[in-house]
Protein backbone atom coordinates (compact mmCIF):
# COMPACT_ATOMS: atom_id res chain seq x y z
CA MET A 1 -0.03 1.28 5.64
CA THR A 2 2.81 2.15 8.23
CA GLY A 3 5.05 4.71 8.82
CA PRO A 4 8.44 4.47 7.53
CA LEU A 5 9.94 3.92 10.88
CA GLU A 6 7.48 1.33 11.98
CA GLY A 7 9.25 -1.01 14.49
CA VAL A 8 11.86 1.51 15.54
CA ARG A 9 11.91 1.63 19.46
CA VAL A 10 12.58 4.90 21.22
CA VAL A 11 13.51 5.53 24.84
CA ASP A 12 13.35 9.45 25.31
CA THR A 13 14.63 11.10 28.17
CA THR A 14 14.63 14.45 27.02
CA ILE A 15 12.62 17.53 28.48
CA ALA A 16 11.66 21.13 27.33
CA ARG A 17 11.73 21.42 23.39
CA SER A 18 14.69 20.48 21.50
CA GLY A 19 14.89 16.69 22.44
CA PRO A 20 10.99 16.30 22.33
CA THR A 21 11.07 17.99 18.97
CA CYS A 22 13.19 15.19 17.74
CA SER A 23 11.49 12.35 19.34
CA ARG A 24 8.05 13.90 17.96
CA GLN A 25 9.31 13.73 14.53
CA LEU A 26 10.41 10.06 15.04
CA ALA A 27 7.01 9.13 16.45
CA ASP A 28 5.23 10.90 13.58
CA LEU A 29 7.39 8.85 11.20
CA GLY A 30 6.01 5.56 12.90
CA ALA A 31 8.47 4.89 15.84
CA ASP A 32 7.22 3.70 19.05
CA VAL A 33 8.59 6.40 21.43
CA ILE A 34 8.45 5.84 25.22
CA VAL A 35 8.90 9.10 26.96
CA VAL A 36 10.62 8.64 30.43
CA THR A 37 9.34 11.43 32.86
CA ARG A 38 9.75 12.28 36.60
CA GLY A 39 5.90 12.93 36.51
CA ARG A 40 5.99 16.90 35.88
CA PRO A 41 5.67 18.66 32.68
CA SER A 42 8.61 20.79 31.52
CA LEU A 43 6.52 23.23 29.30
CA GLY A 44 3.10 24.62 29.24
CA GLU A 45 -0.01 22.34 28.73
CA SER A 46 -0.57 23.11 25.09
CA ASP A 47 3.11 22.93 24.32
CA GLU A 48 3.34 19.51 26.02
CA MET A 49 0.29 18.34 23.91
CA ASN A 50 1.98 19.72 20.79
CA LEU A 51 5.42 18.00 21.51
CA SER A 52 4.26 14.65 23.17
CA ARG A 53 1.67 13.20 20.46
CA ASN A 54 2.12 9.74 19.36
CA LYS A 55 4.19 8.85 22.23
CA ARG A 56 3.82 6.57 25.50
CA SER A 57 4.93 7.88 28.96
CA VAL A 58 6.50 6.05 31.96
CA LYS A 59 7.49 7.70 35.25
CA LEU A 60 10.93 6.73 36.39
CA ASP A 61 13.40 8.53 38.75
CA LEU A 62 17.00 7.87 37.30
CA LYS A 63 18.71 8.76 40.40
CA ASP A 64 16.76 5.78 42.21
CA PRO A 65 18.96 2.61 41.37
CA VAL A 66 15.83 0.50 41.19
CA GLU A 67 14.07 2.65 38.67
CA ARG A 68 17.32 3.32 36.75
CA SER A 69 17.53 -0.57 36.29
CA ALA A 70 14.16 -0.32 34.73
CA LEU A 71 15.31 2.27 32.34
CA LEU A 72 18.32 -0.13 31.34
CA GLY A 73 15.85 -2.82 30.82
CA LEU A 74 13.99 -0.56 28.22
CA VAL A 75 17.63 0.53 26.66
CA GLY A 76 18.54 -3.04 26.16
CA GLN A 77 15.69 -3.57 23.68
CA ALA A 78 15.58 -0.29 22.08
CA ASP A 79 16.77 0.98 18.75
CA VAL A 80 17.24 4.53 20.01
CA PHE A 81 17.97 6.35 23.22
CA LEU A 82 17.65 10.26 23.38
CA GLU A 83 18.97 12.73 26.17
CA ASN A 84 19.48 16.46 26.24
CA TRP A 85 21.25 16.77 29.77
CA ARG A 86 24.29 18.83 30.41
CA PRO A 87 27.15 16.68 29.09
CA ALA A 88 28.44 15.68 32.59
CA VAL A 89 24.83 14.54 33.62
CA LYS A 90 24.94 11.40 31.63
CA HIS A 91 28.39 10.36 33.13
CA ARG A 92 27.04 10.85 36.71
CA LEU A 93 23.99 8.77 35.98
CA ASP A 94 26.36 6.11 34.48
CA LEU A 95 24.15 6.48 31.28
CA SER A 96 26.88 7.44 29.04
CA PRO A 97 27.18 6.30 25.17
CA ASP A 98 29.95 3.85 26.22
CA THR A 99 27.84 2.47 28.98
CA LEU A 100 24.73 2.00 27.08
CA LEU A 101 26.37 0.73 23.89
CA ALA A 102 28.11 -1.83 25.81
CA ARG A 103 24.75 -3.00 26.88
CA ASN A 104 23.08 -2.78 23.43
CA PRO A 105 25.77 -2.53 20.72
CA ARG A 106 23.04 -1.81 18.15
CA LEU A 107 21.70 1.35 19.97
CA VAL A 108 21.70 4.83 18.41
CA TYR A 109 22.45 7.09 21.30
CA GLY A 110 21.38 10.78 20.41
CA SER A 111 22.26 13.66 22.29
CA ILE A 112 21.45 17.50 22.17
CA SER A 113 23.24 19.98 24.54
CA GLY A 114 23.37 23.80 24.60
CA PHE A 115 26.97 24.28 23.49
CA GLY A 116 28.62 20.91 22.55
CA GLN A 117 29.61 17.78 24.37
CA ASP A 118 33.11 19.38 25.41
CA GLY A 119 34.94 22.77 25.14
CA PRO A 120 34.96 25.90 27.48
CA TYR A 121 31.17 26.27 27.43
CA ALA A 122 30.25 22.63 27.59
CA ASP A 123 28.93 22.53 30.92
CA ARG A 124 26.83 25.80 30.78
CA PRO A 125 22.98 25.59 30.66
CA GLY A 126 21.80 26.39 27.23
CA VAL A 127 18.20 27.67 25.99
CA ASP A 128 17.07 28.76 22.52
CA GLN A 129 17.31 32.68 23.06
CA ILE A 130 20.83 32.33 24.37
CA ALA A 131 21.80 30.36 21.14
CA GLN A 132 20.04 32.83 18.88
CA GLY A 133 22.16 35.66 20.53
CA MET A 134 25.53 33.67 20.17
CA ALA A 135 24.77 32.29 16.91
CA GLY A 136 24.45 35.94 15.27
CA LEU A 137 20.93 35.35 14.56
CA MET A 138 19.76 38.34 16.79
CA ALA A 139 22.45 40.78 15.41
CA ILE A 140 20.98 40.31 11.82
CA THR A 141 17.12 40.10 12.65
CA GLY A 142 14.93 43.17 12.66
CA PRO A 143 15.11 46.76 11.08
CA PRO A 144 18.48 48.47 10.67
CA GLY A 145 20.02 50.05 13.85
CA SER A 146 17.44 48.50 16.14
CA GLY A 147 17.34 45.43 18.57
CA PRO A 148 18.89 43.15 18.85
CA TRP A 149 15.81 41.06 18.06
CA ARG A 150 15.15 37.32 18.74
CA VAL A 151 13.28 35.18 16.00
CA GLY A 152 9.67 34.93 16.83
CA VAL A 153 10.02 31.20 17.51
CA ALA A 154 12.19 28.79 19.64
CA VAL A 155 14.23 28.28 16.16
CA SER A 156 17.36 26.74 17.72
CA ASP A 157 15.40 24.26 19.74
CA THR A 158 13.32 23.26 16.65
CA VAL A 159 16.29 22.98 14.35
CA ALA A 160 18.53 21.13 16.88
CA GLY A 161 15.69 18.65 17.31
CA THR A 162 15.33 18.24 13.51
CA PHE A 163 18.81 17.82 12.68
CA LEU A 164 19.04 15.09 15.56
CA ALA A 165 16.22 13.34 14.26
CA GLN A 166 18.07 13.35 10.84
CA GLY A 167 21.25 12.12 12.29
CA VAL A 168 19.33 9.31 14.13
CA ILE A 169 17.76 8.09 10.94
CA ALA A 170 21.03 8.27 9.27
CA ALA A 171 22.54 6.25 12.00
CA LEU A 172 19.95 3.66 11.86
CA PHE A 173 20.39 3.39 8.08
CA ALA A 174 24.29 2.94 8.63
CA ARG A 175 23.65 0.45 11.26
CA GLU A 176 22.01 -1.93 8.37
CA ARG A 177 25.49 -1.90 6.74
CA THR A 178 27.70 -2.19 9.89
CA GLY A 179 25.38 -3.89 12.29
CA ARG A 180 26.44 -1.43 14.91
CA GLY A 181 24.86 1.54 16.55
CA GLN A 182 26.67 4.86 17.52
CA TRP A 183 26.87 8.16 19.24
CA VAL A 184 25.03 10.94 17.29
CA HIS A 185 25.01 14.43 18.98
CA THR A 186 24.53 18.11 18.10
CA SER A 187 23.82 21.52 20.03
CA LEU A 188 21.71 24.47 20.02
CA LEU A 189 24.67 26.58 19.20
CA GLU A 190 25.90 24.53 16.35
CA THR A 191 22.44 24.28 14.69
CA ALA A 192 21.54 28.06 15.17
CA ILE A 193 25.09 29.04 13.45
CA HIS A 194 24.06 26.51 10.74
CA LEU A 195 20.78 28.66 10.22
CA LEU A 196 23.07 31.62 9.21
CA ASP A 197 23.58 29.70 5.89
CA PHE A 198 24.10 32.31 3.07
CA GLN A 199 24.63 35.02 5.71
CA ALA A 200 27.67 32.91 7.02
CA ALA A 201 28.90 32.44 3.61
CA ARG A 202 28.87 36.06 2.92
CA TRP A 203 31.14 36.72 5.87
CA LEU A 204 33.35 33.54 5.48
CA ILE A 205 33.65 33.52 1.81
CA ASP A 206 33.21 37.20 0.75
CA GLY A 207 34.48 38.97 3.91
CA VAL A 208 31.14 40.88 4.20
CA GLU A 209 29.56 41.33 7.50
CA PRO A 210 25.69 40.80 7.17
CA GLN A 211 23.79 43.81 8.89
CA GLN A 212 20.17 44.20 9.81
CA GLU A 213 17.99 44.65 6.83
CA GLY A 214 14.45 44.38 8.29
CA ASN A 215 12.17 42.86 5.76
CA ASN A 216 14.37 43.70 2.89
CA HIS A 217 16.35 40.70 1.34
CA PRO A 218 19.91 41.38 2.15
CA THR A 219 21.13 40.64 -1.24
CA VAL A 220 18.27 40.66 -3.72
CA PRO A 221 16.74 43.94 -4.75
CA ALA A 222 13.01 44.64 -5.05
CA MET A 223 12.20 41.94 -2.42
CA GLY A 224 10.47 42.80 0.87
CA THR A 225 7.48 43.99 2.31
CA PHE A 226 5.38 46.91 0.84
CA ALA A 227 2.50 48.90 2.07
CA THR A 228 -0.71 48.34 -0.03
CA ALA A 229 -4.06 50.46 0.02
CA ASP A 230 -5.38 48.07 2.94
CA GLY A 231 -2.37 46.20 4.56
CA VAL A 232 0.90 44.85 3.33
CA LEU A 233 2.17 42.65 0.66
CA ASN A 234 5.26 40.42 0.47
CA ILE A 235 6.70 40.33 -3.07
CA GLY A 236 10.02 39.10 -4.74
CA VAL A 237 10.86 40.40 -8.03
CA LEU A 238 13.46 37.91 -8.54
CA ALA A 239 13.54 38.27 -12.39
CA GLY A 240 11.72 39.74 -15.04
CA PHE A 241 11.78 43.33 -13.78
CA ASP A 242 10.41 44.56 -17.12
CA SER A 243 7.40 42.39 -17.05
CA PHE A 244 6.81 43.41 -13.57
CA ALA A 245 6.70 47.11 -14.46
CA ARG A 246 4.39 46.36 -17.28
CA MET A 247 1.97 44.44 -15.03
CA VAL A 248 1.75 47.32 -12.51
CA ASP A 249 1.43 49.77 -15.37
CA ARG A 250 4.71 51.41 -14.82
CA SER A 251 6.81 50.51 -17.95
CA ASP A 252 8.75 53.67 -17.42
CA LEU A 253 10.51 51.87 -14.41
CA ALA A 254 11.82 49.46 -16.90
CA ASP A 255 13.22 52.28 -18.96
CA ASP A 256 14.89 53.95 -15.87
CA PRO A 257 18.78 53.39 -16.25
CA ARG A 258 19.07 53.30 -12.40
CA PHE A 259 16.86 49.81 -12.67
CA ALA A 260 18.35 48.32 -15.88
CA THR A 261 20.25 45.55 -14.31
CA VAL A 262 20.34 43.64 -10.94
CA ALA A 263 23.50 45.36 -10.05
CA GLU A 264 22.08 48.92 -10.60
CA ARG A 265 19.19 47.77 -8.68
CA VAL A 266 21.22 46.74 -5.70
CA ARG A 267 22.92 50.21 -5.97
CA HIS A 268 19.63 52.01 -5.98
CA ARG A 269 17.62 49.72 -3.47
CA GLU A 270 16.12 52.73 -1.79
CA GLU A 271 14.89 54.63 -4.99
CA ILE A 272 13.43 51.10 -6.38
CA ASN A 273 11.73 50.16 -3.16
CA SER A 274 10.24 53.77 -3.10
CA ALA A 275 8.86 53.51 -6.57
CA ILE A 276 7.46 49.98 -6.08
CA GLY A 277 6.10 51.22 -2.84
CA ASP A 278 4.23 54.18 -4.73
CA VAL A 279 2.77 51.72 -7.08
CA LEU A 280 1.47 49.05 -4.48
CA ARG A 281 -0.19 51.62 -2.35
CA THR A 282 -2.92 51.99 -5.18
CA ARG A 283 -4.54 48.92 -4.84
CA SER A 284 -5.48 46.21 -2.04
CA THR A 285 -3.31 43.30 -0.96
CA GLN A 286 -5.64 40.70 -2.54
CA GLU A 287 -5.66 42.53 -5.68
CA TRP A 288 -2.15 42.60 -6.14
CA VAL A 289 -1.89 38.94 -5.21
CA ASP A 290 -4.59 38.13 -7.79
CA LEU A 291 -2.59 39.98 -10.40
CA LEU A 292 0.95 39.18 -9.49
CA ALA A 293 1.10 35.75 -7.79
CA GLU A 294 1.06 33.58 -10.97
CA ALA A 295 4.24 35.59 -12.07
CA PHE A 296 5.87 36.67 -9.17
CA PRO A 297 6.39 35.25 -5.49
CA CYS A 298 3.97 37.24 -3.41
CA GLY A 299 1.48 36.91 -0.68
CA PRO A 300 -0.32 38.42 2.31
CA ILE A 301 1.13 38.57 5.67
CA TYR A 302 -0.89 36.66 7.99
CA ARG A 303 -1.63 36.67 11.76
CA VAL A 304 -1.55 33.33 13.11
CA PRO A 305 -5.39 32.67 13.15
CA GLU A 306 -5.35 33.77 9.38
CA VAL A 307 -2.69 31.09 8.60
CA PHE A 308 -5.05 28.18 9.54
CA ALA A 309 -8.11 29.67 7.71
CA ASP A 310 -6.16 29.96 4.33
CA PRO A 311 -7.77 27.62 1.68
CA GLN A 312 -4.38 26.19 0.59
CA VAL A 313 -3.29 25.59 4.16
CA ARG A 314 -6.69 23.94 4.84
CA HIS A 315 -6.10 21.75 1.68
CA LEU A 316 -2.78 20.75 2.69
CA GLY A 317 -4.09 19.35 5.90
CA VAL A 318 -1.49 20.97 8.23
CA THR A 319 -3.51 19.83 11.50
CA ALA A 320 -5.17 16.96 12.64
CA GLN A 321 -7.65 16.16 15.45
CA VAL A 322 -7.00 13.71 18.23
CA ASP A 323 -8.16 12.89 21.79
CA GLY A 324 -5.94 14.69 24.50
CA SER A 325 -5.09 12.80 27.84
CA ASP A 326 -8.29 14.01 29.23
CA GLY A 327 -10.40 12.60 26.34
CA HIS A 328 -11.27 16.12 24.82
CA PRO A 329 -10.41 16.54 21.25
CA ILE A 330 -7.44 18.84 20.45
CA GLU A 331 -6.06 19.98 17.16
CA VAL A 332 -2.38 19.46 16.59
CA LEU A 333 0.23 20.20 13.75
CA THR A 334 0.75 17.05 11.25
CA HIS A 335 4.18 16.12 9.95
CA PRO A 336 5.12 18.23 6.97
CA VAL A 337 6.74 15.61 4.86
CA HIS A 338 4.56 13.22 2.72
CA PHE A 339 5.31 9.68 1.98
CA GLY A 340 3.76 7.79 -1.01
CA ALA A 341 3.63 4.36 0.39
CA THR A 342 4.61 4.57 4.20
CA PRO A 343 2.65 7.74 5.25
CA THR A 344 3.18 9.60 8.66
CA SER A 345 0.38 9.57 11.00
CA ILE A 346 -1.10 11.41 14.11
CA ARG A 347 -2.23 8.16 16.06
CA ALA A 348 -2.93 9.43 19.45
CA GLY A 349 -2.80 12.79 21.55
CA ALA A 350 -0.18 13.46 24.28
CA PRO A 351 -0.31 10.92 27.23
CA ALA A 352 -0.58 12.16 30.85
CA PRO A 353 2.90 12.12 32.46
CA GLY A 354 3.56 8.39 33.42
CA GLN A 355 0.34 7.10 32.25
CA ASP A 356 1.79 4.03 30.60
CA THR A 357 4.11 3.11 33.26
CA ASP A 358 2.06 -0.14 34.24
CA GLU A 359 1.55 -1.29 30.71
CA VAL A 360 5.25 -0.84 29.85
CA LEU A 361 7.02 -1.93 32.91
CA GLY A 362 4.20 -4.34 34.15
CA GLY A 363 6.43 -7.45 34.02
CA SER A 364 5.30 -8.79 30.70
CA GLY A 365 8.84 -9.21 29.85
CA ASP A 366 8.41 -7.25 26.59
CA PRO A 367 8.09 -3.54 27.30
CA TRP A 368 7.27 -3.19 23.44
CA ALA A 369 4.65 -5.85 23.32
CA ALA A 370 1.72 -3.42 23.82
CA SER A 371 3.13 -0.58 21.59
CA THR A 372 -0.01 1.69 20.80
CA PRO A 373 1.10 5.15 21.26
CA GLY A 374 -0.55 7.14 24.02
CA GLY A 375 -1.72 4.17 25.96
CA GLY A 376 -4.55 3.34 23.55
C-alpha cells in the first residue's frame, strides 16, 4: 500500500517553515522529495526534524554554475519544483517559472512569498508575525482592549504551506487533462487574510469591524471559557439552552426573558456568562465534561504535555516514532488526513543536510533511481 502521491518527484529549494511545510505534506502523502540545501539548517534542530522527515537532502550552491546545472538536471526529471525566495531572486538565479517550464513543460512550479509576486511590497522580506499583524489577526486576538497579540503558532507559515500543497496537487490533477504543468503561487499575507474567514465576512458584507473578544466567541452567546472548581472549561451552548439549564440544575435560567432567544442572549452576553460562570464553579472540569460532553461541545484546556497524554489523542495516533539522522529514535507528528486505500506514512526521519548528495547526484543518470526517503 503506497501513498496517494507515490511516484511524484519533488525538488524543494525552500527554507524556514512555509515551504518546508508544503513539501512535508507532499512527502507524507508519498511523494519523493529531494531538499536542496546549502548545508546549514534554517531552523532549530527539533523544528528541522519536524519539517524534514520523509525527505532526501542534497547539498548544492545555486550561485555556482556547475552546481546550478546539477539542479537543472533534477528539475528536468521532476514533477514539482518549490521555492520561497523573494520574487526577484528566482530571476537572478535564472530559475524562474518561464525558464524551468521551458525545460520541463510538465513541471508544476510552486512559490511562496511574503507579500505576493508583484505589487508595492513584493520585494520585502516576510515572516509569519509580520503577516499576522498585516492580516488583522493580531488585532482580533486576545482580551478586549489589550494586545495586539500574535497567535501562539506560526499560523501564516503553516497555512501558506498547506494552501500551496493543495494548489500543487490541484495542478498535478489538471496536468492529467492538459498534459502541461503551470506556476502555482501564494503568499503569507494572502493566506493569513484568508484565515479571517467569517471575521472578514462580517466586515466585507455586514460592515461590522471585528474586535478583540478574548475567549468569547465573537458572535455566538454562551460560548467561551469558564472557571470551574479546579480549572477551566471550554464550552459552547450552540443550541438547546433549555436543556443545558436543566442539566446544570438551573432551570430558572431558561425561564429568564433575557435568555429566551439567541438574539436576547447576544444582547445580554455579560449576564448570561456571569450566570453560567456561577454554575460551573461548583464542580470540577472533569465532572462537567462527564456530564455535558455528550450533549454540548465542551472540553478541558490542556497544556501541551497533556495533549499527547489524552486517551483520544493517543487512539488517533497523531505521532509516530522514527530514527533521527543520528540514529536515535524521535517522535514526530503524523499527517492528519486518513486514506482508506492509499495511506500516508512516516517512512524516515529527517536527513542530515546534504546526506543524500552522492546517492542522488552520483552519476547514475537517474537521480530518482534510489528513492528511499532519508537515504535509507
